[in-house]
Protein backbone atom coordinates (compact mmCIF):
# COMPACT_ATOMS: atom_id res chain seq x y z
CA UNK A 1 -10.84 -3.66 12.68
CA UNK A 2 -7.81 -2.95 10.45
CA UNK A 3 -9.67 -0.05 8.85
CA UNK A 4 -10.57 1.37 12.28
CA UNK A 5 -6.94 1.26 13.42
CA UNK A 6 -5.79 3.02 10.26
CA UNK A 7 -8.49 5.69 10.65
CA UNK A 8 -7.42 6.26 14.27
CA UNK A 9 -3.78 6.58 13.22
CA UNK A 10 -4.73 9.05 10.50
CA UNK A 11 -6.88 11.12 12.87
CA UNK A 12 -4.18 11.31 15.51
CA UNK A 13 -1.51 12.15 12.96
CA UNK A 14 0.52 9.05 13.84
CA UNK A 15 0.02 7.37 10.47
CA UNK A 16 2.35 9.73 8.67
CA UNK A 17 5.28 8.44 10.73
CA UNK A 18 4.36 4.82 10.06
CA UNK A 19 2.99 4.81 6.51
CA UNK A 20 5.21 4.64 3.46
CA UNK A 21 4.14 6.55 0.36
CA UNK A 22 5.37 5.55 -3.07
CA UNK A 23 4.78 7.44 -6.29
CA UNK A 24 8.17 7.17 -7.99
CA UNK A 25 7.14 4.83 -10.77
CA UNK A 26 5.70 5.20 -14.22
CA UNK A 27 2.60 3.11 -14.68
CA UNK A 28 -0.49 3.77 -16.76
CA UNK A 29 -2.47 1.60 -14.31
CA UNK A 30 -1.13 2.36 -10.80
CA UNK A 31 -0.88 6.03 -9.85
CA UNK A 32 0.26 5.76 -6.24
CA UNK A 33 0.71 3.31 -3.38
CA UNK A 34 0.65 3.69 0.40
CA UNK A 35 1.62 0.99 2.88
CA UNK A 36 0.66 1.30 6.57
CA UNK A 37 1.87 -1.47 8.88
CA UNK A 38 -0.87 -2.70 11.22
CA UNK A 39 0.92 -5.58 12.96
CA UNK A 40 4.12 -7.59 12.91
CA UNK A 41 2.60 -9.73 10.17
CA UNK A 42 1.46 -7.16 7.65
CA UNK A 43 -0.31 -3.97 6.88
CA UNK A 44 -2.71 -2.17 4.61
CA UNK A 45 -1.74 -1.36 1.05
CA UNK A 46 -3.81 1.40 -0.51
CA UNK A 47 -3.47 1.64 -4.28
CA UNK A 48 -4.79 4.35 -6.57
CA UNK A 49 -5.72 2.42 -9.70
CA UNK A 50 -6.82 4.77 -12.45
CA UNK A 51 -8.37 7.18 -9.96
CA UNK A 52 -10.05 4.61 -7.68
CA UNK A 53 -8.62 3.53 -4.34
CA UNK A 54 -8.36 -0.13 -3.38
CA UNK A 55 -7.21 -1.57 -0.08
CA UNK A 56 -5.38 -4.86 0.49
CA UNK A 57 -3.84 -6.53 3.53
CA UNK A 58 -0.30 -7.66 2.61
CA UNK A 59 2.97 -8.59 4.31
CA UNK A 60 5.86 -6.15 4.49
CA UNK A 61 7.88 -8.49 2.25
CA UNK A 62 5.18 -8.21 -0.42
CA UNK A 63 5.37 -4.41 -0.12
CA UNK A 64 9.15 -4.50 -0.62
CA UNK A 65 8.71 -6.78 -3.63
CA UNK A 66 6.14 -4.41 -5.10
CA UNK A 67 8.46 -1.41 -4.72
CA UNK A 68 11.38 -3.30 -6.29
CA UNK A 69 9.41 -4.87 -9.15
CA UNK A 70 10.28 -3.62 -12.65
CA UNK A 71 6.58 -3.76 -13.56
CA UNK A 72 4.28 -2.67 -10.73
CA UNK A 73 1.17 -3.71 -12.65
CA UNK A 74 2.48 -7.23 -13.30
CA UNK A 75 3.53 -7.61 -9.66
CA UNK A 76 0.10 -6.41 -8.52
CA UNK A 77 -1.72 -8.91 -10.73
CA UNK A 78 0.54 -11.81 -9.74
CA UNK A 79 1.04 -11.32 -5.97
CA UNK A 80 -1.52 -8.87 -4.59
CA UNK A 81 -4.81 -9.03 -6.44
């Protein structure tokens, strides 16, 4: 269901106003991250890990922690994976 909602948002063009894109970090493991809120409780995190995309359902607070973490890879392994 979450995937269907995200696909519908992307197709209608509404996702760009809701999703946050983050590429301003230097990591040999994580190339980019996108967070799209799906409810009041959380949203979908899409990570490009060495050229492969992975999707996770996380809270907005976890997303903020990820963006603020000094090591994105360590934060990913500890709180998201």
